[in-house]
Amino acid sequence: MLKKKSIKVPNGKLLTVLYDVQDNKIRFIQVTGDFFMYPEEGIYTIERRLQGICMDRTQIRTVLQEVFLNEHIYLYGLTIDSIIDALFL
């Protein structure tokens, strides 16, 4: 069953995460909002890499940090922790 969570991050940006979890693993995830990312298509890399990951804050943080570092993705208006917080509301 798809879940949709939206949060306002401290600087006022909106983050919405649409996701599905089965057997404690992320089966589908879509991240949207009014934040900026460079390169813009990095969002698809993030979504792909999170699919199949256990719903565990530490594991998700590790994957996100690795993706941002290795793919040279930059976020403006939110942080990795913002994405994690939205998943665990």
PDB file of N, CA and C in Angstrom:
ATOM      1  N   MET A   1       0.833  -1.173   0.000  1.00  0.00           N
ATOM      2  CA  MET A   1       0.000   0.000   0.000  1.00  0.00           C
ATOM      3  C   MET A   1       0.887   1.249   0.000  1.00  0.00           C
ATOM      4  N   LEU A   2       0.650   2.141  -0.919  1.00  0.00           N
ATOM      5  CA  LEU A   2       1.438   3.369  -1.012  1.00  0.00           C
ATOM      6  C   LEU A   2       1.151   4.297   0.164  1.00  0.00           C
ATOM      7  N   LYS A   3       2.212   4.872   0.694  1.00  0.00           N
ATOM      8  CA  LYS A   3       2.099   5.871   1.745  1.00  0.00           C
ATOM      9  C   LYS A   3       2.634   7.180   1.187  1.00  0.00           C
ATOM     10  N   LYS A   4       2.034   8.285   1.626  1.00  0.00           N
ATOM     11  CA  LYS A   4       2.483   9.601   1.197  1.00  0.00           C
ATOM     12  C   LYS A   4       2.718  10.445   2.436  1.00  0.00           C
ATOM     13  N   LYS A   5       3.936  10.950   2.564  1.00  0.00           N
ATOM     14  CA  LYS A   5       4.291  11.782   3.704  1.00  0.00           C
ATOM     15  C   LYS A   5       4.864  13.098   3.182  1.00  0.00           C
ATOM     16  N   SER A   6       4.424  14.194   3.756  1.00  0.00           N
ATOM     17  CA  SER A   6       4.939  15.512   3.402  1.00  0.00           C
ATOM     18  C   SER A   6       5.403  16.222   4.658  1.00  0.00           C
ATOM     19  N   ILE A   7       6.545  16.884   4.546  1.00  0.00           N
ATOM     20  CA  ILE A   7       7.053  17.671   5.667  1.00  0.00           C
ATOM     21  C   ILE A   7       7.582  18.994   5.140  1.00  0.00           C
ATOM     22  N   LYS A   8       7.562  19.983   6.011  1.00  0.00           N
ATOM     23  CA  LYS A   8       8.229  21.255   5.757  1.00  0.00           C
ATOM     24  C   LYS A   8       9.550  21.199   6.510  1.00  0.00           C
ATOM     25  N   VAL A   9      10.632  21.359   5.791  1.00  0.00           N
ATOM     26  CA  VAL A   9      11.937  21.335   6.444  1.00  0.00           C
ATOM     27  C   VAL A   9      12.185  22.700   7.089  1.00  0.00           C
ATOM     28  N   PRO A  10      13.119  22.812   8.020  1.00  0.00           N
ATOM     29  CA  PRO A  10      13.302  24.051   8.776  1.00  0.00           C
ATOM     30  C   PRO A  10      13.411  25.331   7.954  1.00  0.00           C
ATOM     31  N   ASN A  11      13.986  25.287   6.758  1.00  0.00           N
ATOM     32  CA  ASN A  11      14.107  26.522   5.972  1.00  0.00           C
ATOM     33  C   ASN A  11      12.880  26.781   5.109  1.00  0.00           C
ATOM     34  N   GLY A  12      11.814  25.993   5.301  1.00  0.00           N
ATOM     35  CA  GLY A  12      10.553  26.261   4.631  1.00  0.00           C
ATOM     36  C   GLY A  12      10.275  25.487   3.362  1.00  0.00           C
ATOM     37  N   LYS A  13      11.200  24.648   2.914  1.00  0.00           N
ATOM     38  CA  LYS A  13      10.985  23.859   1.708  1.00  0.00           C
ATOM     39  C   LYS A  13      10.058  22.688   2.004  1.00  0.00           C
ATOM     40  N   LEU A  14       9.282  22.308   1.005  1.00  0.00           N
ATOM     41  CA  LEU A  14       8.358  21.183   1.125  1.00  0.00           C
ATOM     42  C   LEU A  14       9.005  19.938   0.542  1.00  0.00           C
ATOM     43  N   LEU A  15       8.878  18.824   1.251  1.00  0.00           N
ATOM     44  CA  LEU A  15       9.370  17.535   0.794  1.00  0.00           C
ATOM     45  C   LEU A  15       8.227  16.542   0.888  1.00  0.00           C
ATOM     46  N   THR A  16       7.956  15.847  -0.206  1.00  0.00           N
ATOM     47  CA  THR A  16       6.931  14.813  -0.225  1.00  0.00           C
ATOM     48  C   THR A  16       7.563  13.504  -0.671  1.00  0.00           C
ATOM     49  N   VAL A  17       7.272  12.446   0.071  1.00  0.00           N
ATOM     50  CA  VAL A  17       7.782  11.129  -0.266  1.00  0.00           C
ATOM     51  C   VAL A  17       6.587  10.190  -0.423  1.00  0.00           C
ATOM     52  N   LEU A  18       6.499   9.568  -1.589  1.00  0.00           N
ATOM     53  CA  LEU A  18       5.487   8.559  -1.872  1.00  0.00           C
ATOM     54  C   LEU A  18       6.242   7.239  -1.916  1.00  0.00           C
ATOM     55  N   TYR A  19       5.822   6.279  -1.096  1.00  0.00           N
ATOM     56  CA  TYR A  19       6.595   5.042  -1.038  1.00  0.00           C
ATOM     57  C   TYR A  19       5.735   3.852  -0.624  1.00  0.00           C
ATOM     58  N   ASP A  20       6.290   2.670  -0.888  1.00  0.00           N
ATOM     59  CA  ASP A  20       5.641   1.420  -0.528  1.00  0.00           C
ATOM     60  C   ASP A  20       6.695   0.534   0.122  1.00  0.00           C
ATOM     61  N   VAL A  21       6.329  -0.070   1.243  1.00  0.00           N
ATOM     62  CA  VAL A  21       7.226  -0.969   1.956  1.00  0.00           C
ATOM     63  C   VAL A  21       6.559  -2.339   2.055  1.00  0.00           C
ATOM     64  N   GLN A  22       7.304  -3.355   1.680  1.00  0.00           N
ATOM     65  CA  GLN A  22       6.837  -4.735   1.823  1.00  0.00           C
ATOM     66  C   GLN A  22       7.965  -5.539   2.437  1.00  0.00           C
ATOM     67  N   ASP A  23       7.626  -6.355   3.421  1.00  0.00           N
ATOM     68  CA  ASP A  23       8.630  -7.163   4.130  1.00  0.00           C
ATOM     69  C   ASP A  23       9.775  -6.301   4.644  1.00  0.00           C
ATOM     70  N   ASN A  24       9.434  -5.120   5.141  1.00  0.00           N
ATOM     71  CA  ASN A  24      10.372  -4.157   5.719  1.00  0.00           C
ATOM     72  C   ASN A  24      11.400  -3.623   4.713  1.00  0.00           C
ATOM     73  N   LYS A  25      11.120  -3.739   3.413  1.00  0.00           N
ATOM     74  CA  LYS A  25      12.002  -3.200   2.378  1.00  0.00           C
ATOM     75  C   LYS A  25      11.238  -2.212   1.513  1.00  0.00           C
ATOM     76  N   ILE A  26      11.939  -1.159   1.102  1.00  0.00           N
ATOM     77  CA  ILE A  26      11.332  -0.160   0.229  1.00  0.00           C
ATOM     78  C   ILE A  26      11.175  -0.776  -1.155  1.00  0.00           C
ATOM     79  N   ARG A  27       9.934  -0.901  -1.602  1.00  0.00           N
ATOM     80  CA  ARG A  27       9.659  -1.484  -2.923  1.00  0.00           C
ATOM     81  C   ARG A  27       9.478  -0.405  -3.985  1.00  0.00           C
ATOM     82  N   PHE A  28       9.015   0.763  -3.569  1.00  0.00           N
ATOM     83  CA  PHE A  28       8.810   1.885  -4.483  1.00  0.00           C
ATOM     84  C   PHE A  28       9.025   3.163  -3.692  1.00  0.00           C
ATOM     85  N   ILE A  29       9.666   4.151  -4.328  1.00  0.00           N
ATOM     86  CA  ILE A  29       9.817   5.449  -3.681  1.00  0.00           C
ATOM     87  C   ILE A  29       9.892   6.540  -4.741  1.00  0.00           C
ATOM     88  N   GLN A  30       9.212   7.642  -4.452  1.00  0.00           N
ATOM     89  CA  GLN A  30       9.247   8.827  -5.309  1.00  0.00           C
ATOM     90  C   GLN A  30       9.404  10.030  -4.386  1.00  0.00           C
ATOM     91  N   VAL A  31      10.428  10.833  -4.648  1.00  0.00           N
ATOM     92  CA  VAL A  31      10.735  11.997  -3.824  1.00  0.00           C
ATOM     93  C   VAL A  31      10.474  13.251  -4.655  1.00  0.00           C
ATOM     94  N   THR A  32       9.606  14.127  -4.143  1.00  0.00           N
ATOM     95  CA  THR A  32       9.292  15.374  -4.834  1.00  0.00           C
ATOM     96  C   THR A  32       9.251  16.521  -3.832  1.00  0.00           C
ATOM     97  N   GLY A  33       9.171  17.735  -4.344  1.00  0.00           N
ATOM     98  CA  GLY A  33       9.055  18.896  -3.469  1.00  0.00           C
ATOM     99  C   GLY A  33       9.561  20.143  -4.156  1.00  0.00           C
ATOM    100  N   ASP A  34       9.686  21.210  -3.369  1.00  0.00           N
ATOM    101  CA  ASP A  34      10.132  22.477  -3.944  1.00  0.00           C
ATOM    102  C   ASP A  34      11.596  22.788  -3.601  1.00  0.00           C
ATOM    103  N   PHE A  35      12.373  21.765  -3.429  1.00  0.00           N
ATOM    104  CA  PHE A  35      13.803  21.890  -3.192  1.00  0.00           C
ATOM    105  C   PHE A  35      14.535  21.814  -4.537  1.00  0.00           C
ATOM    106  N   PHE A  36      15.835  22.066  -4.506  1.00  0.00           N
ATOM    107  CA  PHE A  36      16.645  21.993  -5.709  1.00  0.00           C
ATOM    108  C   PHE A  36      17.702  20.915  -5.547  1.00  0.00           C
ATOM    109  N   MET A  37      18.019  20.267  -6.654  1.00  0.00           N
ATOM    110  CA  MET A  37      19.035  19.221  -6.674  1.00  0.00           C
ATOM    111  C   MET A  37      19.864  19.413  -7.937  1.00  0.00           C
ATOM    112  N   TYR A  38      21.171  19.223  -7.789  1.00  0.00           N
ATOM    113  CA  TYR A  38      22.035  19.269  -8.956  1.00  0.00           C
ATOM    114  C   TYR A  38      22.860  18.002  -8.996  1.00  0.00           C
ATOM    115  N   PRO A  39      22.883  17.308 -10.105  1.00  0.00           N
ATOM    116  CA  PRO A  39      22.033  17.498 -11.270  1.00  0.00           C
ATOM    117  C   PRO A  39      20.601  17.052 -10.967  1.00  0.00           C
ATOM    118  N   GLU A  40      19.650  17.627 -11.672  1.00  0.00           N
ATOM    119  CA  GLU A  40      18.231  17.337 -11.414  1.00  0.00           C
ATOM    120  C   GLU A  40      17.903  15.859 -11.547  1.00  0.00           C
ATOM    121  N   GLU A  41      18.519  15.183 -12.490  1.00  0.00           N
ATOM    122  CA  GLU A  41      18.218  13.761 -12.698  1.00  0.00           C
ATOM    123  C   GLU A  41      18.794  12.876 -11.592  1.00  0.00           C
ATOM    124  N   GLY A  42      19.530  13.471 -10.671  1.00  0.00           N
ATOM    125  CA  GLY A  42      20.040  12.722  -9.531  1.00  0.00           C
ATOM    126  C   GLY A  42      18.929  12.130  -8.682  1.00  0.00           C
ATOM    127  N   ILE A  43      17.751  12.731  -8.728  1.00  0.00           N
ATOM    128  CA  ILE A  43      16.626  12.219  -7.943  1.00  0.00           C
ATOM    129  C   ILE A  43      16.270  10.800  -8.359  1.00  0.00           C
ATOM    130  N   TYR A  44      16.413  10.508  -9.652  1.00  0.00           N
ATOM    131  CA  TYR A  44      16.099   9.165 -10.139  1.00  0.00           C
ATOM    132  C   TYR A  44      17.130   8.152  -9.653  1.00  0.00           C
ATOM    133  N   THR A  45      18.372   8.570  -9.557  1.00  0.00           N
ATOM    134  CA  THR A  45      19.423   7.700  -9.023  1.00  0.00           C
ATOM    135  C   THR A  45      19.135   7.388  -7.557  1.00  0.00           C
ATOM    136  N   ILE A  46      18.758   8.411  -6.804  1.00  0.00           N
ATOM    137  CA  ILE A  46      18.440   8.228  -5.389  1.00  0.00           C
ATOM    138  C   ILE A  46      17.274   7.250  -5.234  1.00  0.00           C
ATOM    139  N   GLU A  47      16.222   7.459  -5.993  1.00  0.00           N
ATOM    140  CA  GLU A  47      15.040   6.590  -5.899  1.00  0.00           C
ATOM    141  C   GLU A  47      15.401   5.143  -6.259  1.00  0.00           C
ATOM    142  N   ARG A  48      16.189   4.963  -7.304  1.00  0.00           N
ATOM    143  CA  ARG A  48      16.596   3.611  -7.714  1.00  0.00           C
ATOM    144  C   ARG A  48      17.412   2.920  -6.635  1.00  0.00           C
ATOM    145  N   ARG A  49      18.343   3.649  -6.042  1.00  0.00           N
ATOM    146  CA  ARG A  49      19.228   3.058  -5.033  1.00  0.00           C
ATOM    147  C   ARG A  49      18.502   2.718  -3.731  1.00  0.00           C
ATOM    148  N   LEU A  50      17.419   3.431  -3.432  1.00  0.00           N
ATOM    149  CA  LEU A  50      16.677   3.140  -2.197  1.00  0.00           C
ATOM    150  C   LEU A  50      15.740   1.950  -2.343  1.00  0.00           C
ATOM    151  N   GLN A  51      15.387   1.593  -3.558  1.00  0.00           N
ATOM    152  CA  GLN A  51      14.504   0.441  -3.758  1.00  0.00           C
ATOM    153  C   GLN A  51      15.228  -0.834  -3.329  1.00  0.00           C
ATOM    154  N   GLY A  52      14.571  -1.603  -2.489  1.00  0.00           N
ATOM    155  CA  GLY A  52      15.137  -2.845  -1.979  1.00  0.00           C
ATOM    156  C   GLY A  52      15.871  -2.695  -0.665  1.00  0.00           C
ATOM    157  N   ILE A  53      16.054  -1.466  -0.198  1.00  0.00           N
ATOM    158  CA  ILE A  53      16.752  -1.203   1.061  1.00  0.00           C
ATOM    159  C   ILE A  53      15.785  -1.403   2.229  1.00  0.00           C
ATOM    160  N   CYS A  54      16.295  -1.955   3.332  1.00  0.00           N
ATOM    161  CA  CYS A  54      15.484  -2.128   4.536  1.00  0.00           C
ATOM    162  C   CYS A  54      15.089  -0.773   5.107  1.00  0.00           C
ATOM    163  N   MET A  55      13.919  -0.733   5.715  1.00  0.00           N
ATOM    164  CA  MET A  55      13.448   0.487   6.385  1.00  0.00           C
ATOM    165  C   MET A  55      14.188   0.642   7.715  1.00  0.00           C
ATOM    166  N   ASP A  56      15.428   1.023   7.597  1.00  0.00           N
ATOM    167  CA  ASP A  56      16.318   1.218   8.737  1.00  0.00           C
ATOM    168  C   ASP A  56      17.049   2.542   8.532  1.00  0.00           C
ATOM    169  N   ARG A  57      16.928   3.442   9.494  1.00  0.00           N
ATOM    170  CA  ARG A  57      17.509   4.782   9.354  1.00  0.00           C
ATOM    171  C   ARG A  57      18.995   4.742   9.007  1.00  0.00           C
ATOM    172  N   THR A  58      19.747   3.898   9.692  1.00  0.00           N
ATOM    173  CA  THR A  58      21.189   3.833   9.475  1.00  0.00           C
ATOM    174  C   THR A  58      21.512   3.337   8.077  1.00  0.00           C
ATOM    175  N   GLN A  59      20.820   2.311   7.637  1.00  0.00           N
ATOM    176  CA  GLN A  59      21.078   1.761   6.311  1.00  0.00           C
ATOM    177  C   GLN A  59      20.689   2.765   5.213  1.00  0.00           C
ATOM    178  N   ILE A  60      19.562   3.428   5.380  1.00  0.00           N
ATOM    179  CA  ILE A  60      19.129   4.429   4.403  1.00  0.00           C
ATOM    180  C   ILE A  60      20.120   5.586   4.361  1.00  0.00           C
ATOM    181  N   ARG A  61      20.575   6.051   5.523  1.00  0.00           N
ATOM    182  CA  ARG A  61      21.553   7.149   5.580  1.00  0.00           C
ATOM    183  C   ARG A  61      22.848   6.753   4.864  1.00  0.00           C
ATOM    184  N   THR A  62      23.313   5.537   5.099  1.00  0.00           N
ATOM    185  CA  THR A  62      24.538   5.054   4.455  1.00  0.00           C
ATOM    186  C   THR A  62      24.397   5.050   2.942  1.00  0.00           C
ATOM    187  N   VAL A  63      23.278   4.533   2.444  1.00  0.00           N
ATOM    188  CA  VAL A  63      23.042   4.488   1.000  1.00  0.00           C
ATOM    189  C   VAL A  63      22.969   5.897   0.423  1.00  0.00           C
ATOM    190  N   LEU A  64      22.240   6.791   1.078  1.00  0.00           N
ATOM    191  CA  LEU A  64      22.114   8.164   0.581  1.00  0.00           C
ATOM    192  C   LEU A  64      23.456   8.884   0.575  1.00  0.00           C
ATOM    193  N   GLN A  65      24.231   8.739   1.627  1.00  0.00           N
ATOM    194  CA  GLN A  65      25.542   9.382   1.679  1.00  0.00           C
ATOM    195  C   GLN A  65      26.441   8.875   0.555  1.00  0.00           C
ATOM    196  N   GLU A  66      26.392   7.574   0.322  1.00  0.00           N
ATOM    197  CA  GLU A  66      27.194   6.974  -0.747  1.00  0.00           C
ATOM    198  C   GLU A  66      26.776   7.508  -2.117  1.00  0.00           C
ATOM    199  N   VAL A  67      25.476   7.580  -2.358  1.00  0.00           N
ATOM    200  CA  VAL A  67      24.962   8.067  -3.636  1.00  0.00           C
ATOM    201  C   VAL A  67      25.361   9.526  -3.845  1.00  0.00           C
ATOM    202  N   PHE A  68      25.166  10.357  -2.852  1.00  0.00           N
ATOM    203  CA  PHE A  68      25.492  11.770  -2.995  1.00  0.00           C
ATOM    204  C   PHE A  68      26.983  11.974  -3.253  1.00  0.00           C
ATOM    205  N   LEU A  69      27.808  11.217  -2.572  1.00  0.00           N
ATOM    206  CA  LEU A  69      29.255  11.352  -2.741  1.00  0.00           C
ATOM    207  C   LEU A  69      29.708  10.817  -4.097  1.00  0.00           C
ATOM    208  N   ASN A  70      29.314   9.595  -4.421  1.00  0.00           N
ATOM    209  CA  ASN A  70      29.796   8.947  -5.648  1.00  0.00           C
ATOM    210  C   ASN A  70      29.212   9.548  -6.926  1.00  0.00           C
ATOM    211  N   GLU A  71      27.989  10.043  -6.847  1.00  0.00           N
ATOM    212  CA  GLU A  71      27.324  10.588  -8.036  1.00  0.00           C
ATOM    213  C   GLU A  71      27.421  12.117  -8.114  1.00  0.00           C
ATOM    214  N   HIS A  72      28.088  12.716  -7.127  1.00  0.00           N
ATOM    215  CA  HIS A  72      28.271  14.183  -7.082  1.00  0.00           C
ATOM    216  C   HIS A  72      26.923  14.909  -7.178  1.00  0.00           C
ATOM    217  N   ILE A  73      26.005  14.479  -6.309  1.00  0.00           N
ATOM    218  CA  ILE A  73      24.671  15.081  -6.240  1.00  0.00           C
ATOM    219  C   ILE A  73      24.657  16.066  -5.084  1.00  0.00           C
ATOM    220  N   TYR A  74      24.070  17.238  -5.326  1.00  0.00           N
ATOM    221  CA  TYR A  74      23.994  18.276  -4.307  1.00  0.00           C
ATOM    222  C   TYR A  74      22.541  18.670  -4.079  1.00  0.00           C
ATOM    223  N   LEU A  75      22.157  18.796  -2.809  1.00  0.00           N
ATOM    224  CA  LEU A  75      20.811  19.213  -2.423  1.00  0.00           C
ATOM    225  C   LEU A  75      20.849  20.648  -1.932  1.00  0.00           C
ATOM    226  N   TYR A  76      19.835  21.403  -2.297  1.00  0.00           N
ATOM    227  CA  TYR A  76      19.683  22.772  -1.823  1.00  0.00           C
ATOM    228  C   TYR A  76      18.276  22.914  -1.265  1.00  0.00           C
ATOM    229  N   GLY A  77      18.147  23.221  -0.001  1.00  0.00           N
ATOM    230  CA  GLY A  77      16.837  23.407   0.604  1.00  0.00           C
ATOM    231  C   GLY A  77      16.397  22.269   1.502  1.00  0.00           C
ATOM    232  N   LEU A  78      17.145  21.167   1.511  1.00  0.00           N
ATOM    233  CA  LEU A  78      16.887  20.073   2.447  1.00  0.00           C
ATOM    234  C   LEU A  78      18.139  19.239   2.581  1.00  0.00           C
ATOM    235  N   THR A  79      18.083  18.261   3.462  1.00  0.00           N
ATOM    236  CA  THR A  79      19.248  17.422   3.744  1.00  0.00           C
ATOM    237  C   THR A  79      18.875  15.949   3.606  1.00  0.00           C
ATOM    238  N   ILE A  80      19.878  15.113   3.680  1.00  0.00           N
ATOM    239  CA  ILE A  80      19.645  13.667   3.697  1.00  0.00           C
ATOM    240  C   ILE A  80      18.725  13.315   4.861  1.00  0.00           C
ATOM    241  N   ASP A  81      18.960  13.939   6.009  1.00  0.00           N
ATOM    242  CA  ASP A  81      18.122  13.647   7.175  1.00  0.00           C
ATOM    243  C   ASP A  81      16.667  14.034   6.943  1.00  0.00           C
ATOM    244  N   SER A  82      16.418  15.043   6.118  1.00  0.00           N
ATOM    245  CA  SER A  82      15.034  15.423   5.785  1.00  0.00           C
ATOM    246  C   SER A  82      14.329  14.270   5.087  1.00  0.00           C
ATOM    247  N   ILE A  83      15.017  13.633   4.151  1.00  0.00           N
ATOM    248  CA  ILE A  83      14.424  12.503   3.431  1.00  0.00           C
ATOM    249  C   ILE A  83      14.144  11.358   4.393  1.00  0.00           C
ATOM    250  N   ILE A  84      15.089  11.075   5.248  1.00  0.00           N
ATOM    251  CA  ILE A  84      14.923   9.999   6.231  1.00  0.00           C
ATOM    252  C   ILE A  84      13.773  10.321   7.182  1.00  0.00           C
ATOM    253  N   ASP A  85      13.713  11.561   7.674  1.00  0.00           N
ATOM    254  CA  ASP A  85      12.637  11.961   8.589  1.00  0.00           C
ATOM    255  C   ASP A  85      11.258  11.779   7.936  1.00  0.00           C
ATOM    256  N   ALA A  86      11.145  12.129   6.661  1.00  0.00           N
ATOM    257  CA  ALA A  86       9.849  11.981   5.965  1.00  0.00           C
ATOM    258  C   ALA A  86       9.431  10.522   5.907  1.00  0.00           C
ATOM    259  N   LEU A  87      10.383   9.616   5.719  1.00  0.00           N
ATOM    260  CA  LEU A  87      10.048   8.192   5.654  1.00  0.00           C
ATOM    261  C   LEU A  87       9.576   7.633   6.997  1.00  0.00           C
ATOM    262  N   PHE A  88      10.040   8.226   8.090  1.00  0.00           N
ATOM    263  CA  PHE A  88       9.738   7.682   9.409  1.00  0.00           C
ATOM    264  C   PHE A  88       8.780   8.547  10.221  1.00  0.00           C
ATOM    265  N   LEU A  89       7.995   9.374   9.559  1.00  0.00           N
ATOM    266  CA  LEU A  89       6.979  10.181  10.264  1.00  0.00           C
ATOM    267  C   LEU A  89       5.968   9.300  10.960  1.00  0.00           C
TER     268      LEU A  89
END
